[in-house]
Amino acid sequence: SFDRDQSGAKLASLSAVDSVALAAPGEQFIDASP
């Protein structure tokens, strides 16, 4: 089950709505602008 191709395809369905691990629209980061 530790399969990079298979797992990658499944993970592609996730979005920032579902998880804080992915950037949200307009999200800021302390080491980036501004």
Full PDB file with SEQRES, HELIX, SHEET, SSBOND, CRYST1, ORIGX, SCALE, CONECT and MASTER records, all heavy atoms in Angstrom:
SEQRES   1 A   34  SER PHE ASP ARG ASP GLN SER GLY ALA LYS LEU ALA SER          
SEQRES   2 A   34  LEU SER ALA VAL ASP SER VAL ALA LEU ALA ALA PRO GLY          
SEQRES   3 A   34  GLU GLN PHE ILE ASP ALA SER PRO                              
HELIX    1 AA1 ARG A    4  LEU A   11  1                                   8    
CRYST1    1.000    1.000    1.000  90.00  90.00  90.00 P 1           1          
ORIGX1      1.000000  0.000000  0.000000        0.00000                         
ORIGX2      0.000000  1.000000  0.000000        0.00000                         
ORIGX3      0.000000  0.000000  1.000000        0.00000                         
SCALE1      1.000000  0.000000  0.000000        0.00000                         
SCALE2      0.000000  1.000000  0.000000        0.00000                         
SCALE3      0.000000  0.000000  1.000000        0.00000                         
ATOM      1  N   SER A   1       0.818  -1.216   0.000  1.00  0.00           N  
ATOM      2  CA  SER A   1       0.000   0.000   0.000  1.00  0.00           C  
ATOM      3  C   SER A   1       0.849   1.262   0.000  1.00  0.00           C  
ATOM      4  O   SER A   1       0.364   2.331  -0.365  1.00  0.00           O  
ATOM      5  CB  SER A   1      -0.938   0.016   1.210  1.00  0.00           C  
ATOM      6  OG  SER A   1      -1.891  -1.009   1.115  1.00  0.00           O  
ATOM      7  N   PHE A   2       2.126   1.123   0.400  1.00  0.00           N  
ATOM      8  CA  PHE A   2       3.030   2.266   0.312  1.00  0.00           C  
ATOM      9  C   PHE A   2       3.496   2.375  -1.136  1.00  0.00           C  
ATOM     10  O   PHE A   2       4.590   1.970  -1.505  1.00  0.00           O  
ATOM     11  CB  PHE A   2       4.233   2.103   1.248  1.00  0.00           C  
ATOM     12  CG  PHE A   2       5.055   3.349   1.405  1.00  0.00           C  
ATOM     13  CD1 PHE A   2       4.757   4.268   2.389  1.00  0.00           C  
ATOM     14  CD2 PHE A   2       6.125   3.615   0.552  1.00  0.00           C  
ATOM     15  CE1 PHE A   2       5.510   5.427   2.531  1.00  0.00           C  
ATOM     16  CE2 PHE A   2       6.882   4.765   0.683  1.00  0.00           C  
ATOM     17  CZ  PHE A   2       6.573   5.674   1.679  1.00  0.00           C  
ATOM     18  N   ASP A   3       2.611   2.912  -1.977  1.00  0.00           N  
ATOM     19  CA  ASP A   3       2.819   2.990  -3.420  1.00  0.00           C  
ATOM     20  C   ASP A   3       2.736   4.436  -3.839  1.00  0.00           C  
ATOM     21  O   ASP A   3       1.692   5.065  -3.748  1.00  0.00           O  
ATOM     22  CB  ASP A   3       1.752   2.156  -4.148  1.00  0.00           C  
ATOM     23  CG  ASP A   3       2.004   2.091  -5.646  1.00  0.00           C  
ATOM     24  OD1 ASP A   3       2.019   3.165  -6.281  1.00  0.00           O  
ATOM     25  OD2 ASP A   3       2.183   0.977  -6.159  1.00  0.00           O  
ATOM     26  N   ARG A   4       3.842   4.964  -4.320  1.00  0.00           N  
ATOM     27  CA  ARG A   4       3.899   6.396  -4.596  1.00  0.00           C  
ATOM     28  C   ARG A   4       2.924   6.810  -5.686  1.00  0.00           C  
ATOM     29  O   ARG A   4       2.239   7.821  -5.573  1.00  0.00           O  
ATOM     30  CB  ARG A   4       5.321   6.798  -4.985  1.00  0.00           C  
ATOM     31  CG  ARG A   4       6.284   6.743  -3.799  1.00  0.00           C  
ATOM     32  CD  ARG A   4       7.656   7.224  -4.201  1.00  0.00           C  
ATOM     33  NE  ARG A   4       8.260   6.305  -5.151  1.00  0.00           N  
ATOM     34  CZ  ARG A   4       8.866   6.682  -6.269  1.00  0.00           C  
ATOM     35  NH1 ARG A   4       8.926   7.953  -6.576  1.00  0.00           N  
ATOM     36  NH2 ARG A   4       9.410   5.802  -7.072  1.00  0.00           N  
ATOM     37  N   ASP A   5       2.834   6.062  -6.775  1.00  0.00           N  
ATOM     38  CA  ASP A   5       1.953   6.451  -7.881  1.00  0.00           C  
ATOM     39  C   ASP A   5       0.487   6.378  -7.479  1.00  0.00           C  
ATOM     40  O   ASP A   5      -0.287   7.300  -7.685  1.00  0.00           O  
ATOM     41  CB  ASP A   5       2.199   5.549  -9.095  1.00  0.00           C  
ATOM     42  CG  ASP A   5       3.584   5.758  -9.677  1.00  0.00           C  
ATOM     43  OD1 ASP A   5       4.129   6.867  -9.479  1.00  0.00           O  
ATOM     44  OD2 ASP A   5       4.097   4.828 -10.298  1.00  0.00           O  
ATOM     45  N   GLN A   6       0.112   5.250  -6.866  1.00  0.00           N  
ATOM     46  CA  GLN A   6      -1.290   5.062  -6.459  1.00  0.00           C  
ATOM     47  C   GLN A   6      -1.688   6.104  -5.418  1.00  0.00           C  
ATOM     48  O   GLN A   6      -2.736   6.746  -5.519  1.00  0.00           O  
ATOM     49  CB  GLN A   6      -1.480   3.659  -5.894  1.00  0.00           C  
ATOM     50  CG  GLN A   6      -2.888   3.404  -5.375  1.00  0.00           C  
ATOM     51  CD  GLN A   6      -3.004   2.049  -4.700  1.00  0.00           C  
ATOM     52  OE1 GLN A   6      -2.040   1.309  -4.584  1.00  0.00           O  
ATOM     53  NE2 GLN A   6      -4.183   1.732  -4.229  1.00  0.00           N  
ATOM     54  N   SER A   7      -0.839   6.287  -4.406  1.00  0.00           N  
ATOM     55  CA  SER A   7      -1.164   7.241  -3.349  1.00  0.00           C  
ATOM     56  C   SER A   7      -1.231   8.650  -3.892  1.00  0.00           C  
ATOM     57  O   SER A   7      -2.082   9.447  -3.509  1.00  0.00           O  
ATOM     58  CB  SER A   7      -0.117   7.165  -2.224  1.00  0.00           C  
ATOM     59  OG  SER A   7      -0.092   5.876  -1.672  1.00  0.00           O  
ATOM     60  N   GLY A   8      -0.320   8.983  -4.822  1.00  0.00           N  
ATOM     61  CA  GLY A   8      -0.305  10.318  -5.380  1.00  0.00           C  
ATOM     62  C   GLY A   8      -1.587  10.653  -6.120  1.00  0.00           C  
ATOM     63  O   GLY A   8      -2.101  11.762  -6.034  1.00  0.00           O  
ATOM     64  N   ALA A   9      -2.115   9.676  -6.832  1.00  0.00           N  
ATOM     65  CA  ALA A   9      -3.357   9.913  -7.566  1.00  0.00           C  
ATOM     66  C   ALA A   9      -4.503  10.215  -6.623  1.00  0.00           C  
ATOM     67  O   ALA A   9      -5.335  11.068  -6.886  1.00  0.00           O  
ATOM     68  CB  ALA A   9      -3.686   8.700  -8.423  1.00  0.00           C  
ATOM     69  N   LYS A  10      -4.538   9.513  -5.514  1.00  0.00           N  
ATOM     70  CA  LYS A  10      -5.615   9.727  -4.550  1.00  0.00           C  
ATOM     71  C   LYS A  10      -5.481  11.078  -3.869  1.00  0.00           C  
ATOM     72  O   LYS A  10      -6.458  11.787  -3.668  1.00  0.00           O  
ATOM     73  CB  LYS A  10      -5.619   8.616  -3.490  1.00  0.00           C  
ATOM     74  CG  LYS A  10      -6.006   7.254  -4.034  1.00  0.00           C  
ATOM     75  CD  LYS A  10      -5.971   6.229  -2.919  1.00  0.00           C  
ATOM     76  CE  LYS A  10      -6.321   4.845  -3.420  1.00  0.00           C  
ATOM     77  NZ  LYS A  10      -6.254   3.839  -2.342  1.00  0.00           N  
ATOM     78  N   LEU A  11      -4.264  11.440  -3.521  1.00  0.00           N  
ATOM     79  CA  LEU A  11      -4.068  12.684  -2.785  1.00  0.00           C  
ATOM     80  C   LEU A  11      -4.393  13.903  -3.640  1.00  0.00           C  
ATOM     81  O   LEU A  11      -4.747  14.950  -3.125  1.00  0.00           O  
ATOM     82  CB  LEU A  11      -2.618  12.776  -2.291  1.00  0.00           C  
ATOM     83  CG  LEU A  11      -2.321  13.898  -1.296  1.00  0.00           C  
ATOM     84  CD1 LEU A  11      -3.093  13.699  -0.017  1.00  0.00           C  
ATOM     85  CD2 LEU A  11      -0.841  14.000  -1.028  1.00  0.00           C  
ATOM     86  N   ALA A  12      -4.323  13.743  -4.944  1.00  0.00           N  
ATOM     87  CA  ALA A  12      -4.577  14.877  -5.825  1.00  0.00           C  
ATOM     88  C   ALA A  12      -5.979  15.435  -5.682  1.00  0.00           C  
ATOM     89  O   ALA A  12      -6.256  16.562  -6.061  1.00  0.00           O  
ATOM     90  CB  ALA A  12      -4.340  14.463  -7.278  1.00  0.00           C  
ATOM     91  N   SER A  13      -6.899  14.626  -5.100  1.00  0.00           N  
ATOM     92  CA  SER A  13      -8.282  15.080  -4.949  1.00  0.00           C  
ATOM     93  C   SER A  13      -8.457  16.026  -3.765  1.00  0.00           C  
ATOM     94  O   SER A  13      -9.480  16.671  -3.633  1.00  0.00           O  
ATOM     95  CB  SER A  13      -9.218  13.873  -4.781  1.00  0.00           C  
ATOM     96  OG  SER A  13      -8.926  13.188  -3.573  1.00  0.00           O  
ATOM     97  N   LEU A  14      -7.473  16.107  -2.891  1.00  0.00           N  
ATOM     98  CA  LEU A  14      -7.581  16.986  -1.735  1.00  0.00           C  
ATOM     99  C   LEU A  14      -7.437  18.443  -2.157  1.00  0.00           C  
ATOM    100  O   LEU A  14      -6.815  18.769  -3.158  1.00  0.00           O  
ATOM    101  CB  LEU A  14      -6.493  16.649  -0.701  1.00  0.00           C  
ATOM    102  CG  LEU A  14      -6.628  15.301   0.020  1.00  0.00           C  
ATOM    103  CD1 LEU A  14      -5.457  15.130   0.984  1.00  0.00           C  
ATOM    104  CD2 LEU A  14      -7.937  15.192   0.752  1.00  0.00           C  
ATOM    105  N   SER A  15      -8.013  19.342  -1.365  1.00  0.00           N  
ATOM    106  CA  SER A  15      -7.901  20.775  -1.638  1.00  0.00           C  
ATOM    107  C   SER A  15      -7.674  21.510  -0.333  1.00  0.00           C  
ATOM    108  O   SER A  15      -7.748  20.940   0.749  1.00  0.00           O  
ATOM    109  CB  SER A  15      -9.174  21.290  -2.300  1.00  0.00           C  
ATOM    110  OG  SER A  15     -10.244  21.286  -1.371  1.00  0.00           O  
ATOM    111  N   ALA A  16      -7.419  22.801  -0.438  1.00  0.00           N  
ATOM    112  CA  ALA A  16      -7.217  23.621   0.748  1.00  0.00           C  
ATOM    113  C   ALA A  16      -8.470  23.688   1.603  1.00  0.00           C  
ATOM    114  O   ALA A  16      -8.402  23.972   2.794  1.00  0.00           O  
ATOM    115  CB  ALA A  16      -6.785  25.025   0.346  1.00  0.00           C  
ATOM    116  N   VAL A  17      -9.624  23.451   0.989  1.00  0.00           N  
ATOM    117  CA  VAL A  17     -10.874  23.420   1.759  1.00  0.00           C  
ATOM    118  C   VAL A  17     -10.843  22.278   2.765  1.00  0.00           C  
ATOM    119  O   VAL A  17     -11.303  22.397   3.900  1.00  0.00           O  
ATOM    120  CB  VAL A  17     -12.084  23.259   0.809  1.00  0.00           C  
ATOM    121  CG1 VAL A  17     -13.365  23.028   1.607  1.00  0.00           C  
ATOM    122  CG2 VAL A  17     -12.224  24.490  -0.067  1.00  0.00           C  
ATOM    123  N   ASP A  18     -10.276  21.128   2.345  1.00  0.00           N  
ATOM    124  CA  ASP A  18     -10.285  19.939   3.182  1.00  0.00           C  
ATOM    125  C   ASP A  18      -9.187  19.948   4.229  1.00  0.00           C  
ATOM    126  O   ASP A  18      -9.330  19.366   5.292  1.00  0.00           O  
ATOM    127  CB  ASP A  18     -10.099  18.681   2.314  1.00  0.00           C  
ATOM    128  CG  ASP A  18     -11.116  18.606   1.197  1.00  0.00           C  
ATOM    129  OD1 ASP A  18     -12.316  18.663   1.492  1.00  0.00           O  
ATOM    130  OD2 ASP A  18     -10.704  18.518   0.025  1.00  0.00           O  
ATOM    131  N   SER A  19      -8.062  20.588   3.932  1.00  0.00           N  
ATOM    132  CA  SER A  19      -6.891  20.417   4.774  1.00  0.00           C  
ATOM    133  C   SER A  19      -6.111  21.714   4.900  1.00  0.00           C  
ATOM    134  O   SER A  19      -5.967  22.474   3.935  1.00  0.00           O  
ATOM    135  CB  SER A  19      -5.986  19.337   4.180  1.00  0.00           C  
ATOM    136  OG  SER A  19      -4.759  19.260   4.863  1.00  0.00           O  
ATOM    137  N   VAL A  20      -5.562  21.951   6.094  1.00  0.00           N  
ATOM    138  CA  VAL A  20      -4.701  23.114   6.296  1.00  0.00           C  
ATOM    139  C   VAL A  20      -3.294  22.834   5.784  1.00  0.00           C  
ATOM    140  O   VAL A  20      -2.431  23.706   5.820  1.00  0.00           O  
ATOM    141  CB  VAL A  20      -4.653  23.501   7.789  1.00  0.00           C  
ATOM    142  CG1 VAL A  20      -5.995  24.017   8.258  1.00  0.00           C  
ATOM    143  CG2 VAL A  20      -4.174  22.330   8.646  1.00  0.00           C  
ATOM    144  N   ALA A  21      -3.050  21.600   5.306  1.00  0.00           N  
ATOM    145  CA  ALA A  21      -1.732  21.275   4.779  1.00  0.00           C  
ATOM    146  C   ALA A  21      -1.497  21.911   3.410  1.00  0.00           C  
ATOM    147  O   ALA A  21      -0.356  22.040   2.964  1.00  0.00           O  
ATOM    148  CB  ALA A  21      -1.566  19.760   4.677  1.00  0.00           C  
ATOM    149  N   LEU A  22      -2.584  22.289   2.714  1.00  0.00           N  
ATOM    150  CA  LEU A  22      -2.469  22.915   1.407  1.00  0.00           C  
ATOM    151  C   LEU A  22      -2.824  24.397   1.521  1.00  0.00           C  
ATOM    152  O   LEU A  22      -3.672  24.785   2.307  1.00  0.00           O  
ATOM    153  CB  LEU A  22      -3.393  22.219   0.414  1.00  0.00           C  
ATOM    154  CG  LEU A  22      -3.146  20.721   0.208  1.00  0.00           C  
ATOM    155  CD1 LEU A  22      -4.182  20.144  -0.736  1.00  0.00           C  
ATOM    156  CD2 LEU A  22      -1.739  20.471  -0.312  1.00  0.00           C  
ATOM    157  N   ALA A  23      -2.170  25.216   0.723  1.00  0.00           N  
ATOM    158  CA  ALA A  23      -2.357  26.662   0.815  1.00  0.00           C  
ATOM    159  C   ALA A  23      -3.764  27.071   0.392  1.00  0.00           C  
ATOM    160  O   ALA A  23      -4.315  26.565  -0.586  1.00  0.00           O  
ATOM    161  CB  ALA A  23      -1.324  27.382  -0.046  1.00  0.00           C  
ATOM    162  N   ALA A  24      -4.340  27.991   1.146  1.00  0.00           N  
ATOM    163  CA  ALA A  24      -5.651  28.548   0.803  1.00  0.00           C  
ATOM    164  C   ALA A  24      -5.459  29.754  -0.113  1.00  0.00           C  
ATOM    165  O   ALA A  24      -4.373  30.352  -0.149  1.00  0.00           O  
ATOM    166  CB  ALA A  24      -6.385  28.975   2.076  1.00  0.00           C  
ATOM    167  N   PRO A  25      -6.495  30.147  -0.860  1.00  0.00           N  
ATOM    168  CA  PRO A  25      -6.383  31.343  -1.710  1.00  0.00           C  
ATOM    169  C   PRO A  25      -6.020  32.570  -0.887  1.00  0.00           C  
ATOM    170  O   PRO A  25      -6.673  32.882   0.108  1.00  0.00           O  
ATOM    171  CB  PRO A  25      -7.791  31.471  -2.306  1.00  0.00           C  
ATOM    172  CG  PRO A  25      -8.357  30.074  -2.266  1.00  0.00           C  
ATOM    173  CD  PRO A  25      -7.792  29.464  -1.015  1.00  0.00           C  
ATOM    174  N   GLY A  26      -4.961  33.232  -1.255  1.00  0.00           N  
ATOM    175  CA  GLY A  26      -4.544  34.440  -0.562  1.00  0.00           C  
ATOM    176  C   GLY A  26      -3.832  34.202   0.756  1.00  0.00           C  
ATOM    177  O   GLY A  26      -3.537  35.164   1.485  1.00  0.00           O  
ATOM    178  N   GLU A  27      -3.530  32.953   1.083  1.00  0.00           N  
ATOM    179  CA  GLU A  27      -2.866  32.668   2.364  1.00  0.00           C  
ATOM    180  C   GLU A  27      -1.479  33.303   2.409  1.00  0.00           C  
ATOM    181  O   GLU A  27      -0.732  33.286   1.418  1.00  0.00           O  
ATOM    182  CB  GLU A  27      -2.749  31.158   2.573  1.00  0.00           C  
ATOM    183  CG  GLU A  27      -2.101  30.782   3.899  1.00  0.00           C  
ATOM    184  CD  GLU A  27      -2.162  29.286   4.183  1.00  0.00           C  
ATOM    185  OE1 GLU A  27      -2.783  28.547   3.380  1.00  0.00           O  
ATOM    186  OE2 GLU A  27      -1.601  28.861   5.212  1.00  0.00           O  
ATOM    187  N   GLN A  28      -1.122  33.845   3.564  1.00  0.00           N  
ATOM    188  CA  GLN A  28       0.180  34.465   3.764  1.00  0.00           C  
ATOM    189  C   GLN A  28       1.100  33.537   4.557  1.00  0.00           C  
ATOM    190  O   GLN A  28       0.632  32.689   5.328  1.00  0.00           O  
ATOM    191  CB  GLN A  28       0.032  35.788   4.510  1.00  0.00           C  
ATOM    192  CG  GLN A  28      -0.737  36.843   3.750  1.00  0.00           C  
ATOM    193  CD  GLN A  28      -0.855  38.151   4.524  1.00  0.00           C  
ATOM    194  OE1 GLN A  28      -0.565  38.225   5.715  1.00  0.00           O  
ATOM    195  NE2 GLN A  28      -1.281  39.202   3.835  1.00  0.00           N  
ATOM    196  N   PHE A  29       2.396  33.739   4.358  1.00  0.00           N  
ATOM    197  CA  PHE A  29       3.408  32.965   5.073  1.00  0.00           C  
ATOM    198  C   PHE A  29       4.450  33.929   5.633  1.00  0.00           C  
ATOM    199  O   PHE A  29       4.800  34.927   4.985  1.00  0.00           O  
ATOM    200  CB  PHE A  29       4.044  31.927   4.149  1.00  0.00           C  
ATOM    201  CG  PHE A  29       3.044  30.914   3.629  1.00  0.00           C  
ATOM    202  CD1 PHE A  29       2.349  31.152   2.460  1.00  0.00           C  
ATOM    203  CD2 PHE A  29       2.789  29.755   4.349  1.00  0.00           C  
ATOM    204  CE1 PHE A  29       1.406  30.238   1.995  1.00  0.00           C  
ATOM    205  CE2 PHE A  29       1.852  28.838   3.890  1.00  0.00           C  
ATOM    206  CZ  PHE A  29       1.160  29.072   2.708  1.00  0.00           C  
ATOM    207  N   ILE A  30       4.917  33.614   6.824  1.00  0.00           N  
ATOM    208  CA  ILE A  30       5.779  34.533   7.554  1.00  0.00           C  
ATOM    209  C   ILE A  30       7.086  34.829   6.810  1.00  0.00           C  
ATOM    210  O   ILE A  30       7.669  35.910   6.945  1.00  0.00           O  
ATOM    211  CB  ILE A  30       6.075  33.996   8.980  1.00  0.00           C  
ATOM    212  CG1 ILE A  30       6.684  35.080   9.873  1.00  0.00           C  
ATOM    213  CG2 ILE A  30       6.952  32.766   8.910  1.00  0.00           C  
ATOM    214  CD1 ILE A  30       5.723  36.158  10.277  1.00  0.00           C  
ATOM    215  N   ASP A  31       7.540  33.872   5.975  1.00  0.00           N  
ATOM    216  CA  ASP A  31       8.809  34.053   5.270  1.00  0.00           C  
ATOM    217  C   ASP A  31       8.613  34.536   3.827  1.00  0.00           C  
ATOM    218  O   ASP A  31       9.550  34.508   3.027  1.00  0.00           O  
ATOM    219  CB  ASP A  31       9.625  32.765   5.288  1.00  0.00           C  
ATOM    220  CG  ASP A  31       8.887  31.577   4.691  1.00  0.00           C  
ATOM    221  OD1 ASP A  31       7.659  31.673   4.500  1.00  0.00           O  
ATOM    222  OD2 ASP A  31       9.535  30.544   4.432  1.00  0.00           O  
ATOM    223  N   ALA A  32       7.391  34.941   3.497  1.00  0.00           N  
ATOM    224  CA  ALA A  32       7.098  35.427   2.146  1.00  0.00           C  
ATOM    225  C   ALA A  32       6.448  36.804   2.237  1.00  0.00           C  
ATOM    226  O   ALA A  32       6.260  37.358   3.319  1.00  0.00           O  
ATOM    227  CB  ALA A  32       6.206  34.438   1.411  1.00  0.00           C  
ATOM    228  N   SER A  33       6.074  37.339   1.097  1.00  0.00           N  
ATOM    229  CA  SER A  33       5.450  38.668   1.050  1.00  0.00           C  
ATOM    230  C   SER A  33       4.162  38.683   1.885  1.00  0.00           C  
ATOM    231  O   SER A  33       3.393  37.716   1.862  1.00  0.00           O  
ATOM    232  CB  SER A  33       5.122  39.015  -0.410  1.00  0.00           C  
ATOM    233  OG  SER A  33       4.481  40.262  -0.495  1.00  0.00           O  
ATOM    234  N   PRO A  34       3.926  39.723   2.670  1.00  0.00           N  
ATOM    235  CA  PRO A  34       4.661  40.998   2.719  1.00  0.00           C  
ATOM    236  C   PRO A  34       5.708  41.072   3.829  1.00  0.00           C  
ATOM    237  O   PRO A  34       6.293  42.146   4.034  1.00  0.00           O  
ATOM    238  CB  PRO A  34       3.530  41.992   2.998  1.00  0.00           C  
ATOM    239  CG  PRO A  34       2.602  41.230   3.896  1.00  0.00           C  
ATOM    240  CD  PRO A  34       2.628  39.811   3.388  1.00  0.00           C  
TER     241      PRO A  34                                                      
MASTER        0    0    0    1    0    0    0    6  240    1    0    3          
END                                                                             
